[in-house]
Protein backbone atom coordinates (compact mmCIF):
# COMPACT_ATOMS: atom_id res chain seq x y z
CA MET A 1 64.78 -51.09 -28.25
CA LYS A 2 63.17 -48.44 -30.43
CA ALA A 3 63.55 -44.97 -28.91
CA VAL A 4 60.44 -43.41 -27.40
CA SER A 5 59.50 -40.10 -29.07
CA VAL A 6 59.09 -37.63 -26.21
CA GLY A 7 57.81 -34.09 -25.79
CA ILE A 8 58.61 -31.95 -22.75
CA ILE A 9 56.18 -29.37 -21.41
CA GLY A 10 57.98 -26.87 -19.19
CA CYS A 11 61.47 -25.65 -20.03
CA GLY A 12 62.54 -24.31 -16.64
CA VAL A 13 65.27 -25.85 -14.51
CA ILE A 14 63.86 -29.37 -14.28
CA GLY A 15 62.61 -29.37 -17.88
CA ARG A 16 66.12 -28.59 -19.09
CA ILE A 17 67.44 -31.50 -17.04
CA HIS A 18 64.92 -33.81 -18.72
CA ALA A 19 65.91 -32.44 -22.14
CA LYS A 20 69.60 -33.09 -21.48
CA SER A 21 68.80 -36.59 -20.20
CA ALA A 22 66.72 -37.28 -23.29
CA MET A 23 69.55 -36.26 -25.63
CA GLU A 24 72.00 -38.49 -23.74
CA SER A 25 69.77 -41.57 -23.71
CA PRO A 26 69.46 -43.96 -26.67
CA GLN A 27 66.07 -44.96 -25.25
CA VAL A 28 64.57 -41.52 -25.89
CA LYS A 29 64.16 -39.21 -28.89
CA LEU A 30 63.24 -35.61 -28.01
CA VAL A 31 60.86 -34.37 -30.72
CA ALA A 32 59.11 -31.34 -29.17
CA VAL A 33 59.24 -28.86 -26.28
CA ALA A 34 56.77 -26.30 -24.97
CA ASP A 35 56.83 -23.39 -22.54
CA LEU A 36 54.61 -20.36 -22.04
CA ILE A 37 57.81 -18.26 -21.96
CA GLU A 38 58.82 -18.32 -25.63
CA GLU A 39 62.49 -17.65 -24.91
CA ARG A 40 62.79 -20.75 -22.75
CA ALA A 41 61.27 -23.04 -25.38
CA ARG A 42 63.49 -21.53 -28.08
CA GLU A 43 66.66 -21.93 -26.00
CA VAL A 44 66.02 -25.60 -25.25
CA ALA A 45 64.95 -26.37 -28.82
CA ASP A 46 68.02 -24.65 -30.28
CA GLN A 47 70.42 -26.20 -27.77
CA HIS A 48 69.28 -29.75 -28.53
CA SER A 49 68.14 -29.35 -32.16
CA VAL A 50 64.56 -30.23 -31.26
CA PRO A 51 62.39 -30.18 -34.40
CA ALA A 52 59.29 -28.56 -32.85
CA ARG A 53 58.61 -26.00 -30.15
CA TYR A 54 55.32 -24.67 -28.81
CA GLY A 55 54.13 -21.94 -26.48
CA GLU A 56 51.18 -23.93 -25.16
CA GLY A 57 51.53 -27.46 -23.85
CA LEU A 58 48.08 -28.44 -25.11
CA ASP A 59 49.30 -27.70 -28.66
CA LEU A 60 52.33 -29.96 -28.19
CA LEU A 61 49.95 -32.82 -27.38
CA ASP A 62 48.43 -32.44 -30.88
CA ASP A 63 51.81 -33.15 -32.49
CA PRO A 64 51.51 -36.65 -34.04
CA ARG A 65 55.20 -37.35 -33.40
CA VAL A 66 54.75 -37.19 -29.62
CA GLU A 67 54.41 -40.71 -28.19
CA ALA A 68 55.09 -39.76 -24.56
CA VAL A 69 55.23 -36.49 -22.65
CA VAL A 70 57.07 -35.16 -19.60
CA LEU A 71 55.07 -32.67 -17.51
CA ALA A 72 57.77 -30.44 -16.01
CA LEU A 73 55.64 -27.45 -15.05
CA PRO A 74 54.10 -26.52 -11.67
CA ALA A 75 51.45 -28.88 -10.34
CA ASN A 76 48.49 -26.59 -11.05
CA GLY A 77 48.90 -27.17 -14.80
CA ARG A 78 49.34 -30.93 -14.84
CA LEU A 79 45.83 -32.33 -14.61
CA ALA A 80 44.48 -30.75 -17.81
CA LEU A 81 47.59 -31.74 -19.75
CA ALA A 82 47.61 -35.31 -18.42
CA MET A 83 43.92 -35.79 -19.22
CA LYS A 84 44.39 -34.60 -22.82
CA ALA A 85 47.50 -36.75 -23.19
CA PHE A 86 45.58 -39.85 -22.12
CA ARG A 87 42.74 -39.00 -24.54
CA ARG A 88 45.34 -38.75 -27.31
CA GLY A 89 46.94 -42.10 -26.38
CA ILE A 90 50.12 -40.46 -25.04
CA HIS A 91 52.11 -41.90 -22.11
CA VAL A 92 52.78 -39.44 -19.25
CA LEU A 93 55.71 -38.82 -16.91
CA THR A 94 54.88 -36.20 -14.27
CA GLU A 95 57.26 -34.26 -12.11
CA LYS A 96 56.57 -34.25 -8.40
CA PRO A 97 54.15 -33.65 -6.84
CA VAL A 98 52.09 -35.52 -9.39
CA ALA A 99 49.10 -33.19 -8.92
CA MET A 100 47.54 -30.59 -6.63
CA ASN A 101 45.63 -33.12 -4.53
CA ALA A 102 44.39 -36.71 -4.37
CA ARG A 103 41.23 -35.95 -6.37
CA ASP A 104 43.37 -34.92 -9.33
CA VAL A 105 45.41 -38.13 -9.12
CA GLU A 106 42.23 -40.21 -9.01
CA GLN A 107 41.03 -38.52 -12.20
CA MET A 108 44.32 -39.36 -13.87
CA ILE A 109 44.05 -43.00 -12.83
CA ALA A 110 40.52 -43.23 -14.20
CA ALA A 111 41.61 -41.77 -17.56
CA ARG A 112 44.95 -43.57 -18.00
CA GLY A 113 43.68 -46.88 -19.36
CA ALA A 114 46.51 -49.14 -20.58
CA LEU A 115 48.96 -46.26 -21.02
CA VAL A 116 52.09 -45.83 -18.88
CA ALA A 117 51.92 -43.06 -16.28
CA ALA A 118 55.02 -42.58 -14.12
CA CYS A 119 55.99 -40.13 -11.39
CA CYS A 120 59.38 -38.52 -10.75
CA SER A 121 58.99 -38.85 -6.98
CA SER A 122 60.83 -42.17 -7.52
CA ARG A 123 64.17 -40.38 -8.10
CA TYR A 124 65.95 -41.29 -4.89
CA ARG A 125 64.89 -44.93 -5.08
CA LEU A 126 66.89 -45.19 -8.30
CA LEU A 127 70.14 -44.82 -6.34
CA PRO A 128 72.23 -47.96 -5.64
CA SER A 129 71.90 -47.52 -1.87
CA ALA A 130 68.10 -47.50 -2.11
CA GLU A 131 68.16 -50.75 -4.08
CA VAL A 132 70.29 -52.31 -1.31
CA VAL A 133 67.89 -51.10 1.39
CA THR A 134 64.83 -52.34 -0.52
CA ARG A 135 66.26 -55.82 -1.03
CA PHE A 136 67.43 -56.04 2.58
CA ILE A 137 64.08 -55.06 4.08
CA ALA A 138 62.35 -57.57 1.78
CA THR A 139 64.34 -60.39 3.42
CA GLY A 140 62.49 -59.74 6.68
CA ALA A 141 65.75 -59.22 8.61
CA LEU A 142 64.28 -56.24 10.49
CA GLY A 143 61.31 -58.25 11.66
CA GLU A 144 58.02 -56.43 12.14
CA LEU A 145 58.40 -52.80 11.08
CA ARG A 146 57.71 -50.42 13.96
CA VAL A 147 58.92 -46.90 13.17
CA LEU A 148 60.04 -45.19 9.96
CA HIS A 149 61.74 -41.96 10.97
CA CYS A 150 62.78 -39.00 8.83
CA ARG A 151 63.99 -35.66 10.17
CA ALA A 152 65.46 -33.54 7.39
CA ILE A 153 66.22 -29.92 8.31
CA SER A 154 67.95 -27.35 6.11
CA ALA A 155 69.29 -24.29 7.90
CA ALA A 156 68.54 -20.82 6.58
CA ALA A 157 71.47 -19.43 4.58
CA GLU A 158 72.04 -15.87 3.41
CA PRO A 159 69.21 -14.33 1.35
CA PRO A 160 69.41 -15.32 -2.35
CA VAL A 161 70.95 -12.93 -4.87
CA THR A 162 68.35 -13.73 -7.54
CA PRO A 163 64.60 -13.81 -6.82
CA PRO A 164 63.46 -17.31 -5.79
CA PRO A 165 60.91 -19.11 -8.00
CA THR A 166 57.31 -18.38 -7.05
CA TRP A 167 55.92 -21.90 -7.43
CA ARG A 168 57.91 -23.41 -4.57
CA LEU A 169 56.00 -21.59 -1.84
CA ARG A 170 52.65 -20.67 -3.37
CA ARG A 171 49.86 -23.14 -2.70
CA ARG A 172 47.87 -22.03 -5.73
CA GLU A 173 50.78 -22.96 -8.01
CA ASN A 174 52.15 -26.18 -6.53
CA GLY A 175 49.54 -27.33 -4.02
CA GLY A 176 51.74 -26.50 -1.03
CA GLY A 177 55.32 -25.85 0.00
CA ILE A 178 58.08 -28.06 1.37
CA LEU A 179 55.68 -30.99 1.87
CA MET A 180 54.78 -31.06 -1.82
CA ASN A 181 58.28 -30.21 -3.03
CA TRP A 182 60.36 -32.55 -0.83
CA GLY A 183 57.74 -34.59 0.99
CA SER A 184 56.88 -36.25 -2.33
CA TYR A 185 60.41 -37.66 -2.40
CA ASP A 186 60.58 -38.48 1.31
CA LEU A 187 57.30 -40.37 1.52
CA ASP A 188 57.86 -42.15 -1.80
CA TYR A 189 61.25 -43.27 -0.51
CA LEU A 190 60.02 -44.57 2.84
CA LEU A 191 57.00 -46.32 1.37
CA GLY A 192 58.95 -47.62 -1.62
CA VAL A 193 61.94 -49.16 0.18
CA THR A 194 59.47 -50.99 2.43
CA GLY A 195 57.82 -52.48 -0.66
CA TRP A 196 54.71 -50.28 -0.64
CA SER A 197 53.47 -52.66 2.04
CA LEU A 198 52.35 -49.98 4.52
CA VAL A 199 48.74 -48.75 4.48
CA PRO A 200 48.43 -45.31 6.16
CA ARG A 201 45.24 -44.84 8.16
CA LEU A 202 45.58 -41.93 10.62
CA VAL A 203 47.56 -38.69 10.33
CA LEU A 204 48.35 -35.99 12.87
CA GLY A 205 50.25 -33.11 11.30
CA GLN A 206 51.31 -29.49 11.66
CA THR A 207 52.77 -26.99 9.21
CA TRP A 208 54.46 -23.61 9.64
CA THR A 209 55.20 -20.86 7.12
CA LEU A 210 58.48 -18.97 6.86
CA ALA A 211 59.40 -16.93 9.92
CA PRO A 212 58.95 -13.16 9.25
CA ASP A 213 62.62 -12.33 9.89
CA LEU A 214 63.65 -14.86 7.19
CA ALA A 215 61.09 -13.71 4.60
CA ALA A 216 63.72 -12.61 2.05
CA ARG A 217 64.28 -16.30 1.19
CA ALA A 218 60.84 -16.59 -0.43
CA ALA A 219 59.08 -14.82 -3.28
CA PRO A 220 56.53 -12.13 -2.36
CA ASP A 221 53.01 -13.41 -1.59
CA SER A 222 54.35 -16.82 -0.56
CA ASP A 223 51.76 -18.58 1.60
CA ALA A 224 52.91 -22.22 1.72
CA GLU A 225 54.72 -24.03 4.50
CA THR A 226 58.48 -24.26 4.94
CA HIS A 227 58.29 -26.63 7.94
CA VAL A 228 56.11 -29.71 8.42
CA ALA A 229 55.89 -32.37 11.11
CA ALA A 230 53.58 -35.40 11.14
CA LEU A 231 52.87 -38.73 12.78
CA ILE A 232 51.33 -41.28 10.42
CA ARG A 233 49.88 -44.51 11.84
CA CYS A 234 49.58 -47.41 9.41
CA GLU A 235 47.60 -50.65 9.53
CA GLY A 236 49.23 -53.09 11.92
CA GLY A 237 50.68 -50.34 14.10
CA THR A 238 53.70 -49.20 12.06
CA VAL A 239 54.30 -45.47 12.53
CA ILE A 240 55.98 -42.95 10.23
CA SER A 241 57.54 -40.07 12.16
CA TYR A 242 58.17 -37.29 9.65
CA GLU A 243 59.68 -33.79 9.79
CA ARG A 244 61.05 -31.66 6.95
CA ALA A 245 62.04 -27.98 6.98
CA GLU A 246 63.87 -25.46 4.81
CA PHE A 247 65.11 -21.97 5.68
CA ALA A 248 64.98 -23.19 9.29
CA ALA A 249 66.25 -21.38 12.37
CA ALA A 250 68.17 -24.54 13.25
CA GLN A 251 71.27 -26.40 12.16
CA THR A 252 71.07 -28.66 9.13
CA GLU A 253 70.27 -32.23 10.10
CA ASN A 254 69.43 -35.46 8.27
CA ALA A 255 68.36 -38.40 10.41
CA TRP A 256 66.68 -41.40 8.78
CA LYS A 257 65.89 -44.69 10.53
CA ILE A 258 63.81 -47.77 9.89
CA VAL A 259 63.27 -49.64 13.15
CA GLY A 260 61.87 -53.15 13.37
CA SER A 261 61.37 -55.76 16.08
CA ARG A 262 64.64 -57.54 15.18
CA GLY A 263 66.90 -54.75 13.94
CA ALA A 264 67.21 -51.24 12.56
CA LEU A 265 68.71 -49.35 9.63
CA HIS A 266 70.35 -45.92 9.79
CA LEU A 267 70.31 -44.44 6.29
CA ARG A 268 70.24 -41.28 4.18
CA MET A 269 68.13 -40.59 1.10
CA ILE A 270 70.24 -37.91 -0.58
CA THR A 271 73.40 -38.46 -2.64
CA GLU A 272 76.68 -38.24 -0.76
CA SER A 273 80.34 -39.07 -1.03
CA ALA A 274 81.33 -41.74 1.50
CA LYS A 275 77.69 -42.62 2.11
CA ARG A 276 77.01 -45.35 4.64
CA ILE A 277 74.03 -47.49 5.64
CA ALA A 278 74.37 -48.94 9.13
CA TYR A 279 72.51 -52.01 10.36
CA ASP A 280 71.81 -52.71 14.01
CA ALA A 281 71.38 -56.47 14.28
CA SER A 282 69.94 -57.94 17.44
CA SER A 283 70.21 -61.35 19.05
CA ASP A 284 69.30 -62.86 22.40
CA ALA A 285 72.93 -63.74 23.12
CA GLU A 286 74.65 -60.47 22.11
CA GLY A 287 71.96 -57.81 22.19
CA VAL A 288 72.48 -55.16 19.48
CA SER A 289 75.52 -55.37 17.19
CA PRO A 290 76.17 -52.46 14.78
CA GLN A 291 77.28 -53.41 11.27
CA VAL A 292 77.88 -51.65 7.95
CA LEU A 293 75.32 -52.87 5.43
CA TRP A 294 76.59 -50.74 2.50
CA GLU A 295 78.95 -47.88 1.85
CA GLY A 296 80.03 -46.04 -1.25
CA THR A 297 79.89 -42.77 -3.18
CA GLU A 298 76.78 -41.75 -5.08
CA ASP A 299 76.47 -38.93 -7.59
CA ALA A 300 73.41 -37.21 -8.98
CA ALA A 301 73.44 -38.89 -12.42
CA PRO A 302 70.70 -41.45 -11.62
CA LEU A 303 68.53 -38.68 -10.16
CA HIS A 304 68.66 -36.69 -13.39
CA ALA A 305 68.49 -39.45 -16.01
CA GLY A 306 66.79 -42.24 -14.08
CA PRO A 307 63.09 -41.28 -14.15
CA LEU A 308 63.02 -40.71 -17.92
CA ARG A 309 64.92 -43.92 -18.66
CA ASP A 310 62.69 -45.90 -16.31
CA PHE A 311 59.65 -44.37 -18.04
CA ALA A 312 60.90 -45.30 -21.50
CA ALA A 313 61.73 -48.86 -20.41
CA ALA A 314 58.25 -49.26 -18.89
CA ILE A 315 56.70 -48.21 -22.22
CA ARG A 316 58.78 -50.52 -24.38
CA GLU A 317 59.10 -53.49 -22.02
CA GLY A 318 55.57 -53.49 -20.66
CA HIS A 319 56.34 -53.36 -16.94
CA PRO A 320 55.21 -50.82 -14.33
CA PRO A 321 57.38 -47.73 -13.76
CA LYS A 322 59.25 -47.25 -10.49
CA THR A 323 56.39 -45.16 -9.10
CA THR A 324 52.89 -45.64 -10.53
CA LEU A 325 49.93 -43.31 -10.21
CA GLU A 326 48.41 -45.65 -7.63
CA GLN A 327 51.53 -45.36 -5.49
CA ALA A 328 51.69 -41.60 -6.01
CA LEU A 329 48.07 -41.48 -4.83
CA VAL A 330 49.09 -42.98 -1.47
CA VAL A 331 51.74 -40.26 -1.07
CA GLN A 332 49.23 -37.58 -2.07
CA LYS A 333 46.59 -38.85 0.37
CA ILE A 334 49.11 -38.60 3.20
CA SER A 335 50.02 -35.04 2.14
CA ASP A 336 46.37 -34.02 1.89
CA ALA A 337 45.73 -35.48 5.35
CA ILE A 338 48.68 -33.58 6.85
CA TYR A 339 47.32 -30.30 5.49
CA ALA A 340 43.82 -31.15 6.72
CA SER A 341 45.11 -32.10 10.17
CA ALA A 342 47.13 -28.89 10.44
CA GLU A 343 44.05 -26.85 9.56
CA LYS A 344 41.71 -28.70 11.95
CA GLY A 345 44.16 -29.17 14.80
CA ALA A 346 43.17 -32.82 15.06
CA ALA A 347 44.06 -36.23 13.62
CA VAL A 348 42.61 -37.05 10.19
CA ALA A 349 41.70 -40.52 8.94
CA ILE A 350 42.69 -41.67 5.45
């Protein structure tokens, strides 16, 4: 297929990953980059022989060569850029979280028209193990879904040598903290592998900021959460039990389960060597019998290259991307409700 001519706005860590992926993919032609820090844009443009570089992302969107754009900057800058891109007839791939809140996503949906708009929160569903899980759940082997469980805790390590990026824990820059940064992946994964069949209705959540004695792990003036816990009740009674923390005063732990009326899966979202998905099958005669559904080694290559390739294929082949704006809106509504519940100290309806 003809390569999609792409511009990248934001030349930080994730923008550089997109640039490298673009240069390695025959589906994509990188024609422009932009960053408010001139040195970053120059480095990426020089490294990959990109013909155009800009300081302001809005200027990149005026470049007639740009057919599609990757928004790889903090969430507070995405809405204005996405809206101009749609007005210019440019397809949009947004990093996660897709926007600051659900209202922003709804504006994007209203402006998108027939253009392709994809979200990078799909990353972990591009792994082979996620494809196996998705197909297996679709067979109905688990029966009626009861509980989707995720507890992902990262222990606090030694303070960083270099200053941490500000956007990760400043609400005004990225809409929130760990919930926006990792919750976008977690909720996309759980909702996606279950076929986007769950409709969240009621959320009870709590968030906590970084403990004072661990403050060196965050940039000054950080005000966003590093620990979140929530219970999400969906139509039909399925419940999502969710907890994610970083810089925690606890040992690292990753426990993921999908429990149904006829069986359960024990799985992991992240890449691993010797990764295994276990299946607990149940029967009247034998009770519960543990089995190995899938095992193998996964590397990070699909995480880096997958979203951009999926985006390009959706443009050229006319099918929806792995995560659409409508699906990202469901994730964002859950996140908004968790923040609202934590503030009110009560359950919040979606």
